[in-house]
Each structure stands twice: as structure tokens, then as C-alpha cells.
PDB file of N, CA and C in Angstrom:
ATOM      1  N   MET A   1      82.711 208.225  32.672  1.00  0.00           N
ATOM      2  CA  MET A   1      81.722 209.292  33.152  1.00  0.00           C
ATOM      3  C   MET A   1      81.618 210.420  32.627  1.00  0.00           C
ATOM      4  N   GLY A   2      82.473 210.668  31.537  1.00  0.00           N
ATOM      5  CA  GLY A   2      81.716 211.690  30.429  1.00  0.00           C
ATOM      6  C   GLY A   2      82.718 213.201  30.675  1.00  0.00           C
ATOM      7  N   ASN A   3      82.224 214.117  30.184  1.00  0.00           N
ATOM      8  CA  ASN A   3      82.677 215.115  29.612  1.00  0.00           C
ATOM      9  C   ASN A   3      81.263 216.160  30.737  1.00  0.00           C
ATOM     10  N   HIS A   4      81.393 216.565  31.104  1.00  0.00           N
ATOM     11  CA  HIS A   4      80.485 217.081  32.303  1.00  0.00           C
ATOM     12  C   HIS A   4      79.821 218.139  31.288  1.00  0.00           C
ATOM     13  N   LEU A   5      80.753 219.125  31.272  1.00  0.00           N
ATOM     14  CA  LEU A   5      80.906 220.201  30.470  1.00  0.00           C
ATOM     15  C   LEU A   5      79.822 220.023  28.861  1.00  0.00           C
ATOM     16  N   PHE A   6      80.429 218.616  28.174  1.00  0.00           N
ATOM     17  CA  PHE A   6      79.934 218.663  26.851  1.00  0.00           C
ATOM     18  C   PHE A   6      78.169 218.118  27.390  1.00  0.00           C
ATOM     19  N   GLN A   7      78.012 217.499  28.217  1.00  0.00           N
ATOM     20  CA  GLN A   7      76.593 217.150  28.963  1.00  0.00           C
ATOM     21  C   GLN A   7      75.857 218.475  28.447  1.00  0.00           C
ATOM     22  N   LEU A   8      76.030 218.584  29.381  1.00  0.00           N
ATOM     23  CA  LEU A   8      75.641 219.805  30.467  1.00  0.00           C
ATOM     24  C   LEU A   8      75.261 221.217  28.872  1.00  0.00           C
ATOM     25  N   ALA A   9      76.413 221.079  28.272  1.00  0.00           N
ATOM     26  CA  ALA A   9      75.402 221.625  26.580  1.00  0.00           C
ATOM     27  C   ALA A   9      74.757 220.981  25.858  1.00  0.00           C
ATOM     28  N   ARG A  10      74.639 219.437  25.837  1.00  0.00           N
ATOM     29  CA  ARG A  10      73.032 218.523  25.175  1.00  0.00           C
ATOM     30  C   ARG A  10      72.683 218.941  25.473  1.00  0.00           C
ATOM     31  N   ASP A  11      72.151 218.999  27.331  1.00  0.00           N
ATOM     32  CA  ASP A  11      70.907 219.116  27.994  1.00  0.00           C
ATOM     33  C   ASP A  11      70.225 220.657  27.672  1.00  0.00           C
ATOM     34  N   PHE A  12      71.259 221.727  26.934  1.00  0.00           N
ATOM     35  CA  PHE A  12      70.907 222.889  27.283  1.00  0.00           C
ATOM     36  C   PHE A  12      70.578 223.151  26.009  1.00  0.00           C
ATOM     37  N   THR A  13      71.013 222.235  25.098  1.00  0.00           N
ATOM     38  CA  THR A  13      70.445 222.947  23.598  1.00  0.00           C
ATOM     39  C   THR A  13      69.225 221.742  23.901  1.00  0.00           C
ATOM     40  N   GLU A  14      68.935 220.811  24.146  1.00  0.00           N
ATOM     41  CA  GLU A  14      66.915 220.583  24.005  1.00  0.00           C
ATOM     42  C   GLU A  14      66.603 221.134  24.161  1.00  0.00           C
ATOM     43  N   GLN A  15      67.182 222.338  25.749  1.00  0.00           N
ATOM     44  CA  GLN A  15      66.084 222.576  26.691  1.00  0.00           C
ATOM     45  C   GLN A  15      65.452 223.684  24.811  1.00  0.00           C
ATOM     46  N   ALA A  16      66.821 223.873  24.943  1.00  0.00           N
ATOM     47  CA  ALA A  16      66.308 225.503  23.639  1.00  0.00           C
ATOM     48  C   ALA A  16      65.654 225.554  22.708  1.00  0.00           C
ATOM     49  N   THR A  17      66.124 224.226  21.994  1.00  0.00           N
ATOM     50  CA  THR A  17      65.460 223.777  21.205  1.00  0.00           C
ATOM     51  C   THR A  17      64.423 223.570  21.459  1.00  0.00           C
ATOM     52  N   GLN A  18      63.736 222.820  23.083  1.00  0.00           N
ATOM     53  CA  GLN A  18      62.159 223.288  23.192  1.00  0.00           C
ATOM     54  C   GLN A  18      61.186 224.590  23.599  1.00  0.00           C
ATOM     55  N   GLN A  19      61.747 224.271  24.450  1.00  0.00           N
ATOM     56  CA  GLN A  19      61.205 226.253  24.807  1.00  0.00           C
ATOM     57  C   GLN A  19      61.162 227.736  23.992  1.00  0.00           C
ATOM     58  N   LYS A  20      62.653 227.809  23.515  1.00  0.00           N
ATOM     59  CA  LYS A  20      62.472 228.273  22.448  1.00  0.00           C
ATOM     60  C   LYS A  20      62.480 230.463  22.739  1.00  0.00           C
ATOM     61  N   ASP A  21      63.212 230.376  23.709  1.00  0.00           N
ATOM     62  CA  ASP A  21      63.578 231.451  24.426  1.00  0.00           C
ATOM     63  C   ASP A  21      64.464 232.629  24.476  1.00  0.00           C
ATOM     64  N   GLN A  22      64.642 233.238  24.613  1.00  0.00           N
ATOM     65  CA  GLN A  22      66.671 233.487  24.472  1.00  0.00           C
ATOM     66  C   GLN A  22      66.818 233.367  25.604  1.00  0.00           C
ATOM     67  N   HIS A  23      66.884 232.923  26.810  1.00  0.00           N
ATOM     68  CA  HIS A  23      66.725 233.061  27.660  1.00  0.00           C
ATOM     69  C   HIS A  23      68.444 231.335  28.073  1.00  0.00           C
ATOM     70  N   SER A  24      66.466 230.210  27.678  1.00  0.00           N
ATOM     71  CA  SER A  24      67.368 228.861  27.107  1.00  0.00           C
ATOM     72  C   SER A  24      68.991 228.937  26.879  1.00  0.00           C
ATOM     73  N   ILE A  25      68.560 230.123  25.351  1.00  0.00           N
ATOM     74  CA  ILE A  25      69.125 229.775  23.987  1.00  0.00           C
ATOM     75  C   ILE A  25      70.889 230.417  24.648  1.00  0.00           C
ATOM     76  N   GLU A  26      70.768 231.491  24.944  1.00  0.00           N
ATOM     77  CA  GLU A  26      71.870 231.597  26.126  1.00  0.00           C
ATOM     78  C   GLU A  26      72.249 231.051  26.786  1.00  0.00           C
ATOM     79  N   LYS A  27      71.585 230.024  27.624  1.00  0.00           N
ATOM     80  CA  LYS A  27      72.418 229.047  28.566  1.00  0.00           C
ATOM     81  C   LYS A  27      72.827 227.728  27.438  1.00  0.00           C
ATOM     82  N   ALA A  28      72.107 228.434  26.411  1.00  0.00           N
ATOM     83  CA  ALA A  28      73.079 227.314  25.872  1.00  0.00           C
ATOM     84  C   ALA A  28      74.014 227.187  24.427  1.00  0.00           C
ATOM     85  N   LYS A  29      74.443 228.446  24.071  1.00  0.00           N
ATOM     86  CA  LYS A  29      75.527 228.806  23.426  1.00  0.00           C
ATOM     87  C   LYS A  29      76.342 228.705  25.077  1.00  0.00           C
ATOM     88  N   ASN A  30      75.966 229.405  25.630  1.00  0.00           N
ATOM     89  CA  ASN A  30      77.315 230.104  26.520  1.00  0.00           C
ATOM     90  C   ASN A  30      78.195 227.812  27.423  1.00  0.00           C
ATOM     91  N   ALA A  31      76.807 227.726  27.237  1.00  0.00           N
ATOM     92  CA  ALA A  31      77.285 225.900  27.593  1.00  0.00           C
ATOM     93  C   ALA A  31      78.421 224.987  26.411  1.00  0.00           C
ATOM     94  N   ILE A  32      77.774 225.585  25.420  1.00  0.00           N
ATOM     95  CA  ILE A  32      78.403 225.165  24.143  1.00  0.00           C
ATOM     96  C   ILE A  32      79.642 225.531  23.799  1.00  0.00           C
ATOM     97  N   SER A  33      80.136 227.368  24.250  1.00  0.00           N
ATOM     98  CA  SER A  33      81.268 227.534  24.284  1.00  0.00           C
ATOM     99  C   SER A  33      82.429 226.814  25.278  1.00  0.00           C
ATOM    100  N   SER A  34      81.684 226.648  26.576  1.00  0.00           N
ATOM    101  CA  SER A  34      82.620 225.995  27.867  1.00  0.00           C
ATOM    102  C   SER A  34      82.979 224.629  26.876  1.00  0.00           C
ATOM    103  N   ALA A  35      81.814 224.288  26.626  1.00  0.00           N
ATOM    104  CA  ALA A  35      82.304 222.994  26.152  1.00  0.00           C
ATOM    105  C   ALA A  35      83.416 222.468  25.859  1.00  0.00           C
ATOM    106  N   TYR A  36      83.836 223.301  24.515  1.00  0.00           N
ATOM    107  CA  TYR A  36      84.235 223.032  23.359  1.00  0.00           C
ATOM    108  C   TYR A  36      85.806 222.584  23.116  1.00  0.00           C
ATOM    109  N   ALA A  37      86.138 223.173  24.727  1.00  0.00           N
ATOM    110  CA  ALA A  37      87.974 223.593  24.960  1.00  0.00           C
ATOM    111  C   ALA A  37      88.699 222.417  24.939  1.00  0.00           C
ATOM    112  N   ASN A  38      87.525 221.434  26.312  1.00  0.00           N
ATOM    113  CA  ASN A  38      88.079 220.380  26.603  1.00  0.00           C
ATOM    114  C   ASN A  38      87.350 219.102  26.083  1.00  0.00           C
ATOM    115  N   SER A  39      86.306 219.231  24.979  1.00  0.00           N
ATOM    116  CA  SER A  39      86.299 218.041  24.389  1.00  0.00           C
ATOM    117  C   SER A  39      86.947 217.108  23.583  1.00  0.00           C
ATOM    118  N   THR A  40      86.826 216.064  23.151  1.00  0.00           N
ATOM    119  CA  THR A  40      87.371 215.590  21.330  1.00  0.00           C
ATOM    120  C   THR A  40      87.153 215.724  20.155  1.00  0.00           C
ATOM    121  N   GLU A  41      87.855 215.766  19.361  1.00  0.00           N
ATOM    122  CA  GLU A  41      86.712 215.903  18.452  1.00  0.00           C
ATOM    123  C   GLU A  41      85.186 214.927  18.151  1.00  0.00           C
ATOM    124  N   ALA A  42      85.108 214.116  18.554  1.00  0.00           N
ATOM    125  CA  ALA A  42      83.731 213.845  17.842  1.00  0.00           C
ATOM    126  C   ALA A  42      82.956 214.357  18.837  1.00  0.00           C
ATOM    127  N   GLU A  43      83.261 214.382  19.721  1.00  0.00           N
ATOM    128  CA  GLU A  43      82.689 215.869  21.015  1.00  0.00           C
ATOM    129  C   GLU A  43      82.211 217.528  19.860  1.00  0.00           C
ATOM    130  N   LYS A  44      83.146 217.911  20.092  1.00  0.00           N
ATOM    131  CA  LYS A  44      83.445 218.919  19.126  1.00  0.00           C
ATOM    132  C   LYS A  44      82.517 218.724  17.577  1.00  0.00           C
ATOM    133  N   VAL A  45      82.547 217.509  16.236  1.00  0.00           N
ATOM    134  CA  VAL A  45      81.260 218.078  16.283  1.00  0.00           C
ATOM    135  C   VAL A  45      80.107 217.676  16.361  1.00  0.00           C
ATOM    136  N   GLN A  46      79.465 217.289  17.601  1.00  0.00           N
ATOM    137  CA  GLN A  46      78.160 217.796  17.743  1.00  0.00           C
ATOM    138  C   GLN A  46      78.610 218.756  18.397  1.00  0.00           C
ATOM    139  N   LEU A  47      79.600 219.097  18.791  1.00  0.00           N
ATOM    140  CA  LEU A  47      79.315 220.863  19.308  1.00  0.00           C
ATOM    141  C   LEU A  47      78.920 221.961  18.787  1.00  0.00           C
ATOM    142  N   ARG A  48      78.990 221.625  17.080  1.00  0.00           N
ATOM    143  CA  ARG A  48      79.252 222.306  15.760  1.00  0.00           C
ATOM    144  C   ARG A  48      77.803 221.339  15.872  1.00  0.00           C
ATOM    145  N   GLU A  49      77.299 221.067  15.808  1.00  0.00           N
ATOM    146  CA  GLU A  49      75.992 220.538  15.128  1.00  0.00           C
ATOM    147  C   GLU A  49      75.254 220.896  16.288  1.00  0.00           C
ATOM    148  N   PHE A  50      75.156 221.138  17.528  1.00  0.00           N
ATOM    149  CA  PHE A  50      74.175 221.939  18.481  1.00  0.00           C
ATOM    150  C   PHE A  50      74.338 223.359  18.284  1.00  0.00           C
ATOM    151  N   GLN A  51      75.400 223.927  18.231  1.00  0.00           N
ATOM    152  CA  GLN A  51      76.117 225.590  17.568  1.00  0.00           C
ATOM    153  C   GLN A  51      74.545 225.645  16.453  1.00  0.00           C
ATOM    154  N   GLU A  52      74.401 224.726  15.546  1.00  0.00           N
ATOM    155  CA  GLU A  52      73.846 225.200  14.402  1.00  0.00           C
ATOM    156  C   GLU A  52      72.424 224.547  14.605  1.00  0.00           C
ATOM    157  N   ASN A  53      72.430 224.133  15.773  1.00  0.00           N
ATOM    158  CA  ASN A  53      70.252 224.131  15.686  1.00  0.00           C
ATOM    159  C   ASN A  53      70.097 225.613  16.693  1.00  0.00           C
ATOM    160  N   ILE A  54      71.345 225.764  17.621  1.00  0.00           N
ATOM    161  CA  ILE A  54      70.866 227.295  17.809  1.00  0.00           C
ATOM    162  C   ILE A  54      70.878 228.237  17.877  1.00  0.00           C
ATOM    163  N   ASP A  55      71.744 228.245  16.264  1.00  0.00           N
ATOM    164  CA  ASP A  55      71.955 229.018  15.961  1.00  0.00           C
ATOM    165  C   ASP A  55      70.357 229.844  14.215  1.00  0.00           C
ATOM    166  N   ASN A  56      69.600 228.282  14.195  1.00  0.00           N
ATOM    167  CA  ASN A  56      68.452 228.501  13.702  1.00  0.00           C
ATOM    168  C   ASN A  56      67.505 228.904  14.331  1.00  0.00           C
ATOM    169  N   LEU A  57      67.735 228.927  15.971  1.00  0.00           N
ATOM    170  CA  LEU A  57      66.408 229.264  16.894  1.00  0.00           C
ATOM    171  C   LEU A  57      66.454 230.805  16.577  1.00  0.00           C
ATOM    172  N   SER A  58      67.646 231.221  16.717  1.00  0.00           N
ATOM    173  CA  SER A  58      67.768 232.936  16.842  1.00  0.00           C
ATOM    174  C   SER A  58      67.924 233.912  15.720  1.00  0.00           C
TER     175      SER A  58
END
């Protein structure tokens, strides 16, 4: 099944990079934050990349 919170973070980050609106960016930030605690090391690396992408948008 995988890490549901990680999947949400990935999806919201993708959505935010396409839409570039503040609401989407905030949703992505929250999803990344929620996913981090329960993620594997490999997922954490990707979550940090997602966060960098979001930081570059805002």
C-alpha cells in the first residue's frame, strides 16, 4: 500500500508546482510536514526535495 501521507505530499507538491497559488502551496507544505515523521529515509530525501520545490515557489 505504501505511505499514504507521502503519496499525498507528492500529489500536493505536484499540484502546487502546476497551479502556483498560495492555497496549493500551503496544502503541499502541510502534507510534507505530516508525512515526514512516518517516512523511511528514502522518502525523507524525496520529501526534502519536495520542500525545496515548494520553497522556490513561495
